[in-house]
Amino acid sequence: MDCIFCKIARNEIPSKKIYEDDYMLAFNDINPQAPVHILVIPKQHIPSLDEINTGNSDVIAKIFECIPPIAASAGLINGYRLISNCGSDACQSVGHLHFHILGGRQLPANMA
């Protein structure tokens, strides 16, 4: 696949890894929008939130179980924002499901 996140998950493109297991990868965003900006992706190619189904929802559950400890290990003890854009109207920039963990300062209410 030509998907940049699939290539990162296969270690074909380097990333600054924060966490990795058999199902997911978390790494620093190369264009951070906050002092802490971590991307969390499933290793399995899932195009967007719209493509979550009974065949892959176990992977999504594992991701959501790992997000709080990833955020804590990044020092986000006062909270964080979790964002996933879905589709072109939401400005989803990569056609691979991903979650942004943002924090490290008081985030503006209109930042999404």
N, C-alpha and C. Protein backbone atom coordinates (compact mmCIF):
# COMPACT_ATOMS: atom_id res chain seq x y z
N MET A 1 0.84 -1.19 0.00
CA MET A 1 0.00 0.00 0.00
C MET A 1 0.88 1.25 0.00
N ASP A 2 0.36 2.30 -0.54
CA ASP A 2 1.06 3.57 -0.59
C ASP A 2 0.74 4.45 0.62
N CYS A 3 -0.02 3.95 1.55
CA CYS A 3 -0.45 4.72 2.72
C CYS A 3 0.76 5.05 3.60
N ILE A 4 0.95 6.33 3.87
CA ILE A 4 2.11 6.76 4.66
C ILE A 4 2.08 6.16 6.07
N PHE A 5 0.90 6.05 6.68
CA PHE A 5 0.85 5.47 8.03
C PHE A 5 1.12 3.97 8.00
N CYS A 6 0.71 3.28 6.96
CA CYS A 6 1.06 1.86 6.83
C CYS A 6 2.57 1.70 6.70
N LYS A 7 3.20 2.60 5.94
CA LYS A 7 4.66 2.55 5.80
C LYS A 7 5.35 2.84 7.12
N ILE A 8 4.82 3.77 7.90
CA ILE A 8 5.39 4.04 9.22
C ILE A 8 5.22 2.82 10.11
N ALA A 9 4.05 2.19 10.08
CA ALA A 9 3.80 1.00 10.90
C ALA A 9 4.71 -0.16 10.52
N ARG A 10 5.10 -0.23 9.25
CA ARG A 10 6.01 -1.29 8.79
C ARG A 10 7.49 -0.88 8.91
N ASN A 11 7.76 0.26 9.52
CA ASN A 11 9.12 0.78 9.70
C ASN A 11 9.81 1.10 8.39
N GLU A 12 9.05 1.37 7.35
CA GLU A 12 9.63 1.79 6.07
C GLU A 12 9.92 3.28 6.08
N ILE A 13 9.22 4.01 6.93
CA ILE A 13 9.46 5.44 7.14
C ILE A 13 9.72 5.61 8.64
N PRO A 14 10.79 6.29 9.01
CA PRO A 14 11.09 6.43 10.44
C PRO A 14 10.09 7.34 11.15
N SER A 15 9.94 7.09 12.43
CA SER A 15 9.10 7.93 13.28
C SER A 15 9.70 7.94 14.68
N LYS A 16 9.30 8.92 15.46
CA LYS A 16 9.73 8.98 16.86
C LYS A 16 8.67 8.26 17.68
N LYS A 17 8.89 6.95 17.84
CA LYS A 17 7.91 6.09 18.51
C LYS A 17 7.79 6.42 19.99
N ILE A 18 6.57 6.40 20.45
CA ILE A 18 6.24 6.57 21.85
C ILE A 18 5.83 5.22 22.44
N TYR A 19 5.07 4.44 21.65
CA TYR A 19 4.55 3.15 22.10
C TYR A 19 4.29 2.30 20.87
N GLU A 20 4.50 1.00 21.02
CA GLU A 20 4.20 0.06 19.94
C GLU A 20 3.86 -1.29 20.52
N ASP A 21 2.87 -1.94 19.95
CA ASP A 21 2.58 -3.33 20.24
C ASP A 21 2.14 -4.00 18.94
N ASP A 22 1.56 -5.16 19.02
CA ASP A 22 1.17 -5.90 17.81
C ASP A 22 0.04 -5.23 17.03
N TYR A 23 -0.73 -4.37 17.69
CA TYR A 23 -1.94 -3.82 17.09
C TYR A 23 -1.84 -2.35 16.70
N MET A 24 -0.94 -1.62 17.36
CA MET A 24 -0.95 -0.17 17.21
C MET A 24 0.43 0.42 17.34
N LEU A 25 0.52 1.69 16.94
CA LEU A 25 1.75 2.45 17.04
C LEU A 25 1.38 3.87 17.45
N ALA A 26 2.15 4.44 18.38
CA ALA A 26 2.00 5.84 18.77
C ALA A 26 3.33 6.52 18.53
N PHE A 27 3.28 7.70 17.90
CA PHE A 27 4.52 8.41 17.58
C PHE A 27 4.26 9.91 17.58
N ASN A 28 5.33 10.69 17.72
CA ASN A 28 5.21 12.14 17.72
C ASN A 28 4.82 12.64 16.33
N ASP A 29 3.88 13.59 16.30
CA ASP A 29 3.46 14.22 15.05
C ASP A 29 4.60 15.12 14.55
N ILE A 30 4.85 15.10 13.24
CA ILE A 30 5.95 15.91 12.69
C ILE A 30 5.56 17.38 12.55
N ASN A 31 4.27 17.70 12.70
CA ASN A 31 3.80 19.07 12.64
C ASN A 31 2.93 19.34 13.88
N PRO A 32 3.55 19.40 15.06
CA PRO A 32 2.76 19.47 16.30
C PRO A 32 1.90 20.73 16.41
N GLN A 33 0.69 20.54 16.89
CA GLN A 33 -0.25 21.63 17.11
C GLN A 33 -0.36 22.00 18.59
N ALA A 34 0.42 21.33 19.44
CA ALA A 34 0.45 21.58 20.87
C ALA A 34 1.82 21.09 21.36
N PRO A 35 2.22 21.46 22.58
CA PRO A 35 3.51 20.99 23.09
C PRO A 35 3.66 19.46 23.04
N VAL A 36 2.57 18.76 23.31
CA VAL A 36 2.54 17.31 23.13
C VAL A 36 1.52 17.02 22.04
N HIS A 37 1.97 16.36 20.98
CA HIS A 37 1.07 15.99 19.88
C HIS A 37 1.51 14.61 19.40
N ILE A 38 0.77 13.62 19.83
CA ILE A 38 1.07 12.21 19.52
C ILE A 38 0.00 11.67 18.59
N LEU A 39 0.42 10.96 17.56
CA LEU A 39 -0.52 10.25 16.68
C LEU A 39 -0.57 8.80 17.10
N VAL A 40 -1.77 8.25 17.14
CA VAL A 40 -1.97 6.84 17.47
C VAL A 40 -2.69 6.21 16.30
N ILE A 41 -2.08 5.14 15.75
CA ILE A 41 -2.65 4.49 14.57
C ILE A 41 -2.77 2.99 14.79
N PRO A 42 -3.79 2.37 14.21
CA PRO A 42 -3.79 0.91 14.18
C PRO A 42 -2.79 0.45 13.12
N LYS A 43 -2.13 -0.65 13.35
CA LYS A 43 -1.22 -1.18 12.32
C LYS A 43 -2.02 -1.72 11.14
N GLN A 44 -3.20 -2.22 11.41
CA GLN A 44 -4.11 -2.67 10.36
C GLN A 44 -4.63 -1.45 9.62
N HIS A 45 -4.67 -1.49 8.31
CA HIS A 45 -5.18 -0.35 7.55
C HIS A 45 -6.70 -0.28 7.69
N ILE A 46 -7.15 0.75 8.39
CA ILE A 46 -8.57 1.07 8.52
C ILE A 46 -8.67 2.51 8.01
N PRO A 47 -9.39 2.76 6.92
CA PRO A 47 -9.38 4.08 6.30
C PRO A 47 -9.87 5.24 7.17
N SER A 48 -10.91 5.01 7.99
CA SER A 48 -11.45 6.10 8.79
C SER A 48 -12.36 5.53 9.87
N LEU A 49 -12.90 6.42 10.69
CA LEU A 49 -13.86 6.00 11.71
C LEU A 49 -15.06 5.28 11.09
N ASP A 50 -15.43 5.69 9.87
CA ASP A 50 -16.57 5.07 9.18
C ASP A 50 -16.34 3.60 8.86
N GLU A 51 -15.11 3.16 8.91
CA GLU A 51 -14.78 1.77 8.54
C GLU A 51 -14.61 0.86 9.75
N ILE A 52 -14.90 1.35 10.95
CA ILE A 52 -14.85 0.50 12.13
C ILE A 52 -16.05 -0.43 12.09
N ASN A 53 -15.79 -1.73 12.31
CA ASN A 53 -16.86 -2.72 12.26
C ASN A 53 -16.54 -3.85 13.24
N THR A 54 -17.37 -4.88 13.26
CA THR A 54 -17.17 -5.99 14.20
C THR A 54 -15.88 -6.75 13.91
N GLY A 55 -15.36 -6.66 12.70
CA GLY A 55 -14.13 -7.35 12.35
C GLY A 55 -12.87 -6.65 12.82
N ASN A 56 -12.96 -5.34 13.15
CA ASN A 56 -11.76 -4.62 13.59
C ASN A 56 -11.95 -3.84 14.88
N SER A 57 -13.13 -3.88 15.46
CA SER A 57 -13.39 -3.08 16.66
C SER A 57 -12.55 -3.52 17.86
N ASP A 58 -12.08 -4.77 17.86
CA ASP A 58 -11.20 -5.20 18.96
C ASP A 58 -9.89 -4.41 18.94
N VAL A 59 -9.39 -4.08 17.76
CA VAL A 59 -8.17 -3.28 17.63
C VAL A 59 -8.42 -1.87 18.18
N ILE A 60 -9.58 -1.32 17.87
CA ILE A 60 -9.92 0.03 18.33
C ILE A 60 -10.04 0.02 19.86
N ALA A 61 -10.64 -1.02 20.41
CA ALA A 61 -10.74 -1.12 21.87
C ALA A 61 -9.36 -1.15 22.51
N LYS A 62 -8.42 -1.91 21.91
CA LYS A 62 -7.06 -1.96 22.45
C LYS A 62 -6.40 -0.58 22.39
N ILE A 63 -6.63 0.16 21.30
CA ILE A 63 -6.08 1.51 21.18
C ILE A 63 -6.62 2.39 22.31
N PHE A 64 -7.93 2.34 22.54
CA PHE A 64 -8.51 3.18 23.57
C PHE A 64 -8.06 2.77 24.98
N GLU A 65 -7.73 1.52 25.17
CA GLU A 65 -7.17 1.08 26.45
C GLU A 65 -5.77 1.63 26.65
N CYS A 66 -5.02 1.83 25.57
CA CYS A 66 -3.64 2.30 25.66
C CYS A 66 -3.50 3.82 25.67
N ILE A 67 -4.49 4.55 25.20
CA ILE A 67 -4.37 6.00 25.13
C ILE A 67 -4.13 6.64 26.50
N PRO A 68 -4.86 6.30 27.56
CA PRO A 68 -4.57 6.94 28.86
C PRO A 68 -3.14 6.72 29.36
N PRO A 69 -2.58 5.51 29.30
CA PRO A 69 -1.19 5.38 29.74
C PRO A 69 -0.19 6.08 28.81
N ILE A 70 -0.48 6.15 27.53
CA ILE A 70 0.39 6.89 26.61
C ILE A 70 0.38 8.37 26.99
N ALA A 71 -0.80 8.92 27.22
CA ALA A 71 -0.91 10.33 27.62
C ALA A 71 -0.19 10.56 28.95
N ALA A 72 -0.37 9.67 29.90
CA ALA A 72 0.29 9.83 31.20
C ALA A 72 1.81 9.78 31.05
N SER A 73 2.30 8.87 30.21
CA SER A 73 3.75 8.76 30.03
C SER A 73 4.33 9.99 29.34
N ALA A 74 3.49 10.73 28.63
CA ALA A 74 3.93 11.98 27.99
C ALA A 74 3.80 13.17 28.94
N GLY A 75 3.38 12.91 30.17
CA GLY A 75 3.28 13.96 31.17
C GLY A 75 1.97 14.72 31.15
N LEU A 76 0.97 14.19 30.49
CA LEU A 76 -0.31 14.89 30.38
C LEU A 76 -1.20 14.56 31.58
N ILE A 77 -0.80 15.10 32.74
CA ILE A 77 -1.52 14.79 33.99
C ILE A 77 -2.71 15.72 34.24
N ASN A 78 -2.76 16.86 33.55
CA ASN A 78 -3.88 17.79 33.72
C ASN A 78 -4.92 17.68 32.63
N GLY A 79 -4.81 16.65 31.81
CA GLY A 79 -5.78 16.44 30.75
C GLY A 79 -5.17 16.52 29.37
N TYR A 80 -5.94 16.12 28.40
CA TYR A 80 -5.52 16.11 27.00
C TYR A 80 -6.76 16.08 26.12
N ARG A 81 -6.56 16.37 24.87
CA ARG A 81 -7.64 16.30 23.89
C ARG A 81 -7.36 15.15 22.95
N LEU A 82 -8.39 14.39 22.59
CA LEU A 82 -8.28 13.29 21.64
C LEU A 82 -9.15 13.64 20.45
N ILE A 83 -8.54 13.65 19.25
CA ILE A 83 -9.26 14.04 18.03
C ILE A 83 -9.06 12.98 16.96
N SER A 84 -10.12 12.69 16.22
CA SER A 84 -10.01 11.88 15.02
C SER A 84 -10.90 12.51 13.96
N ASN A 85 -10.30 13.00 12.91
CA ASN A 85 -11.05 13.58 11.80
C ASN A 85 -11.53 12.44 10.89
N CYS A 86 -12.74 12.60 10.37
CA CYS A 86 -13.34 11.54 9.54
C CYS A 86 -13.86 12.14 8.24
N GLY A 87 -13.15 11.89 7.16
CA GLY A 87 -13.58 12.34 5.84
C GLY A 87 -13.07 13.71 5.46
N SER A 88 -13.28 14.04 4.20
CA SER A 88 -12.72 15.28 3.65
C SER A 88 -13.32 16.54 4.28
N ASP A 89 -14.61 16.53 4.61
CA ASP A 89 -15.21 17.72 5.23
C ASP A 89 -14.62 17.99 6.61
N ALA A 90 -14.09 16.97 7.26
CA ALA A 90 -13.45 17.14 8.57
C ALA A 90 -11.94 17.32 8.45
N CYS A 91 -11.46 17.42 7.21
CA CYS A 91 -10.02 17.61 6.93
C CYS A 91 -9.17 16.42 7.35
N GLN A 92 -9.69 15.21 7.16
CA GLN A 92 -8.87 14.03 7.39
C GLN A 92 -7.77 14.04 6.34
N SER A 93 -6.52 14.20 6.78
CA SER A 93 -5.41 14.41 5.85
C SER A 93 -4.78 13.11 5.35
N VAL A 94 -4.93 12.03 6.11
CA VAL A 94 -4.38 10.73 5.71
C VAL A 94 -5.52 9.72 5.79
N GLY A 95 -5.70 8.94 4.73
CA GLY A 95 -6.77 7.95 4.68
C GLY A 95 -6.44 6.69 5.44
N HIS A 96 -6.06 6.86 6.69
CA HIS A 96 -5.77 5.76 7.61
C HIS A 96 -6.22 6.26 8.97
N LEU A 97 -7.10 5.52 9.62
CA LEU A 97 -7.62 5.94 10.91
C LEU A 97 -6.48 6.32 11.85
N HIS A 98 -6.61 7.48 12.47
CA HIS A 98 -5.61 7.90 13.44
C HIS A 98 -6.24 8.84 14.45
N PHE A 99 -5.63 8.85 15.62
CA PHE A 99 -6.10 9.67 16.73
C PHE A 99 -4.97 10.61 17.13
N HIS A 100 -5.32 11.87 17.35
CA HIS A 100 -4.36 12.87 17.82
C HIS A 100 -4.54 13.02 19.32
N ILE A 101 -3.47 12.85 20.08
CA ILE A 101 -3.46 13.19 21.50
C ILE A 101 -2.76 14.53 21.60
N LEU A 102 -3.47 15.54 22.07
CA LEU A 102 -2.94 16.90 22.17
C LEU A 102 -2.97 17.36 23.62
N GLY A 103 -1.90 18.00 24.05
CA GLY A 103 -1.89 18.53 25.41
C GLY A 103 -0.58 19.21 25.72
N GLY A 104 -0.34 19.39 27.01
CA GLY A 104 0.88 20.03 27.46
C GLY A 104 0.71 21.49 27.79
N ARG A 105 -0.50 22.01 27.61
CA ARG A 105 -0.86 23.38 27.97
C ARG A 105 -2.38 23.47 27.94
N GLN A 106 -2.90 24.59 28.41
CA GLN A 106 -4.34 24.83 28.30
C GLN A 106 -4.68 24.99 26.82
N LEU A 107 -5.53 24.12 26.30
CA LEU A 107 -5.90 24.16 24.89
C LEU A 107 -7.09 25.10 24.69
N PRO A 108 -7.11 25.83 23.58
CA PRO A 108 -8.26 26.70 23.33
C PRO A 108 -9.53 25.89 23.08
N ALA A 109 -10.66 26.43 23.50
CA ALA A 109 -11.93 25.73 23.36
C ALA A 109 -12.28 25.46 21.91
N ASN A 110 -11.83 26.31 20.98
CA ASN A 110 -12.20 26.14 19.58
C ASN A 110 -11.18 25.36 18.78
N MET A 111 -10.17 24.81 19.42
CA MET A 111 -9.16 24.01 18.73
C MET A 111 -9.70 22.61 18.51
N ALA A 112 -9.80 22.21 17.29
CA ALA A 112 -10.30 20.86 16.99
C ALA A 112 -9.56 20.32 15.80
